[in-house]
Amino acid sequence: MQSSKNKNVDAFYRPLAVQKTSAEIINEARNTLRTLRTQRPFTPREEHRKLFGSASSRTPENRPPSAFSLRASSFESVESRPVSCARLSPLDHKPRLLSSPTSNEEHPVSLSKPLVDSEKIRKVSNARSRLFRTNSHGNLLGKGLNFEEQASMGDISGGRNEKISQKLTVQLGIKNPSLQLTCNEHHNKAEGEQVCSRTADMTSASPLMSQSDQAKRQGRPSSCPDNTDWIKSATKTEPNLRTNETEEDENYWNMKILPVLQELENEDNVENLCHACTTLYQALEKGNMLGKRFKRRTLFLKTLYKLVDVASDPLGLKLAKIILGLKVSGKNLLNVCKLVFKISRNEKNDSLIQNDGILDSLLGVLKAEDLQANTEAFLYCMGAVKFISGNTSHLHEMVSKGTVEILVQLMKQINEINENDARFSSSGHLLVQLTATLRNLVDLPQSRCKLLDNGAVPELYLMLEKRLSDKDVCTNVARIFSKLSSFNDCCTALADCSRCYVVFLALLNKHPKKQDLVVRIIFILGNLTAKNDQAREQFFEVQGSINTLAALFQTHCEADSNHKLWKDDGNLKALKHPSEAEDVLIKLIRVIANLSIHPIVGSDLATNHHIVALLITVLEYKSVNECEELVINTTATINNLSYYKVKNSVIQEQKLYIAELLLKLLMSSNMDGILEAIRVFGNLSQYHEICEFIVQRKDVCFSACGVLLNLTVDKSRRGILNEDGGIKKLIDCLRDFGPTDWQLACLICKTLWNYSEDMTRAVPCFEDDDSNTLLLLLVSFLDEELALDYSFDSDLRDYHKLYWEMEFKPVAQKLLQRIQK
C-alpha cells in the first residue's frame, strides 16, 4: 500500500514540475519589496495668537513681548532722524521779548530743534494723555491748558526753572487761521545757545480748533498775546512752509482734507470716526498726498496719533492704514506696526483686516522699508502677517498680492546677516514669524510653485545651516519641508540640494530629543527615500547616517517600551493616536524600509545586527492592537530585508524566531497585518526550516486563507489579493496542503472563485502560467480515487470523503469550468 501511495505522489507532482528560471524567481521575489506611506505629523493649532507659541524654546525674558501697552503718547510728534554732528555757534545777541501783540515787527524763529530730554517729554505726554481722556466725551482733542497751566508744568527743555522768554505763534499757510504752531524759545546765558522746541500738544487750543472754540479762549485770562493780531507777521514765514505747494493743492486741502480733520477732532462716535477715516484716506489717495512729500504731514499725523487712545479696533485699523500710507519711520513705524499686531491677535478682527485692506500696507513695509533700521518694526509687522495667514480664507488673497515673493526676498536679506553681527539674534525672532507664515502659505498649490520659482528651497537650507541652534526656526522650516515633500515636484527640488542629507542629519544629531523636530525630519527623509534609488544611495553614503538612525531608533524604542510599562500599570487609558515615541518609530522604520529597496543599502541593512535587533524588539513588546501602523511597518521592513540572501544576514539567522513572532500577527483579526505577515512567510518559505514550521502549523495557512476569503467578498478590495504575488502564493498553498487538508483546499478555491467573479476572455483574472497550474491542480484533485488516496489517516477516511464530496468538489468544479471558458 505504501508503494502505491508513493507512486501516486510521483504521478501527482509530475505535471506541476515546471521549473522557473532564476530570473523569474528573483523578479517575483523583488516584487514583494515596497516603500511605505505614513501620515504627515500633526501640528496642533495654537490656542492664542502670539509671537512665539507655547512650545517655543525661547524664554520670556529672551524674546520680544506679544502683550504691551500702546497709547497716543507712544508716538513721536516729530519723527526721529539722524542726529547732526555739527555744533552751532552761540548767538551774539539776546532775543528781544515781545513788547506788544500788535507789533508788526518780524520776529526770527530758530529752525534748529535739539532733542528734548526724554523724561520730560514723557511727563508732558502723560499730562496730555490725561487731558485727552478727561475730554474724551466731548472734543476728542480736548480744550487745552491756558498759559499759566503750561508754565506750571515746568520748562520741558531747559530744566533750570528759567523764565519763558518768548512765545511765538506762526500761522500755517492755509486760509483757515486755526492751524497753529507754537515754539518756546529759551536763551541759556552760560552756554550762549538758543533752543527752540515744538510743543504743539501743550498749546492753549487744538491746532484744528473751530472759531467758536477760539472765541471761548478769548474770554480766558492769559499772558499770551492774541493770535489774530499776528496774522500779518506770521504770513512772512509762510513761504517756507508752503514750498512747492500750488494753489490747487491748497484748495484741495481746504475743501477735501481740512473738513474731515475737523470732524475727527469734534466727533466722539466711533462709527462716524471710522467713516471719516475712510473718507480721509480716499481723499489723500486721490489728491496724491500719501507718502513723505505731504507738506502738512507732521501736524496731520499728530491729529491721528491722538485718536489711538480711543479703544476701538475698527478705528485703530483705519488709523494704521492712513499712518502707514504717510510712510512714517523710526519709533512711529514701530508703534503703528504694534497697533496692527495688537488688533490682529484677536481672531474676531480677521474680517475687518480683510475688508480694510491693511495687508497691502503691511506688505509695503516689508517690501520697501529698511530692514537694518527697522528690525523690531518688521518683527511686529511680520507677526501680524502671520496671524492673517492663519486664517485659510485669506491665503488666496495673500498669494495674489505677492506675499510669497516678498517673504523670499526678505529671507535672502536675513540670510546675509552673519552670526557675529549684533542683529543676528533679533533677526532670528523675525525668522520665526516669517517661516511660520510660509508654513501656512504652502498649503496652496500656487504658493508652492512660487516658492520653487523664487529659489526659496536653497535659502531655507541655508537658513537651517546658519540657525542650527535655533530650535524654533528649525522646527518651522521642518514643517515647511514636511508639507513640500508630500508633493512630487517639491520633493524633487528638496532632493536636488547636494547638502540636504548632511543638514538633516546634523539637525537630528543636534536635537535628538526635540520630538516635534525629529519626527518631521524623519518624515521628510521617508518621503525623499520613497521616490528613487539615487536618494537612497545619497543618504546612505553620508558618513554616520545609519548610525544616526540606529541611535534614534534605540532612544525612542526605550522610551516607548517604558511608556508601555507605565500605561500597563493603569496610569493611562488607551490612546486613539500614536504616542510621541510611537510616531517617531513609525516614521523612522519607514525610512529603513524605503532605504532597503536599494540593493546595496538593503544588503547592508540585512546584516546590521543593531537595526534588525530593534525591529525584532518592536514585534516582541508591541501588538497590532496597541499600534497598528508601527507593527505593520515593522513587519513590512522585515519583509524587505528578508529578500536579500546575503552572507551574515541577521534575518536568516533569526528566521525561526521571526516566524514565531509573526504567528500572533497572523492569528489576529487585523487584515492588513495578516497580509504583511503572509508576505514575510512567502520570502522565508524558501528556507527548509520555515517550510517545516509551516507544515507543523497548518493553522497558520488556514487562518490566513480565511482572512483572504473575507477580503474577496468586498469587490473594491479584491485587487489587493494580486499584489506582491498573492495569487501565486494561494496556488502554491493549494498544491502543498490540498491533498492532506480538503477544508483548507476548499477555502482556497472559494477565495479564488470570489476573486475571479468578473473574469471573461477579454478580462482574465489569472496570468497564463497561473491559469495552467491551477487547471492541472483542479483536474488532479477532482479525481476521486487520487484525492481520497491522500487521506493518510484511515480513521478519518470517511470524514475526508464526505467533506471532499460535499464541500470541495462543487466549488472546485465551478472554478474549473470558469477557467476553462
Foldseek 3Di string as FASTA:
>chain_A
DVVVLVVLVCVQCVVVPDDDDPVVVLVLLLLLFAFDDDDFDDDDDAPFQALDGPPFPDDPVQFDGRDDDAALLLDDLDADDDDDPDDDDFDPDDQAADPDLLDLDAGDDDPDADDWDPVLSVLVSVVQLVQQVVQLVFFNNHQADAPVVVVVSDDRHPPPSDDQRYWDWAAEPAPDRLQIWIWTWDADPVRNHIHIHTDQSHDNGHSLDDPVSVVVVVVDDHPDRDPVSCHNNNVVCHCVLQPPPDPVNRVLCVPQPSVLLSCLRGDNDPVVVLVSLVSNQVSCVVSVQFEQVNSCVSSSLSSLSSCRNPPDLLNLLSSLQRVLRNPGDDSNLQSSLSSLLSSLRDVVCLVSCVVVVCLVSLLCCLQPPDCVRPVNSLLSSLSSLLSNLVDVVCLVVCVVSPVLVSLLVSLVVLLVDAPPDPCVSSVVSSLLSSLSSLLSNVVDPSSLVVCVVNVVLVSLLSVCVRPVVRPSNLLSSLSNLLSQLVDDVSLVVLLPPLCNLVSLLSSCVVCVPPLSNLLSSLSSLLSNLNPDLVSLVSNVPPPCNVVSLLVSLVVLLVVVLVVVVVVVVVPDDQDPDDDSSLSSLLSSLSSLSSSLSHPVSLQVCQQDPSNVVSLVVCLVRDDCVRPVSNVLSSLSSLLSSLSDPDPNGVCVVCVVVVLVSLQVQLQDPDLSSVVSSVSSLVSVVVDPVSVVVCVVVVVSLQSSLVSLLVQLVDVVRLVVCPRSNNLVVLLVVCSPCCLADVVSNLSSLSSVCSSCVVADPVRHRDDPVSLVSLLSSLVQCLPLVSSLSSHPDPVCSVVSSVCCVPGVNVSSVVSNVSSVD
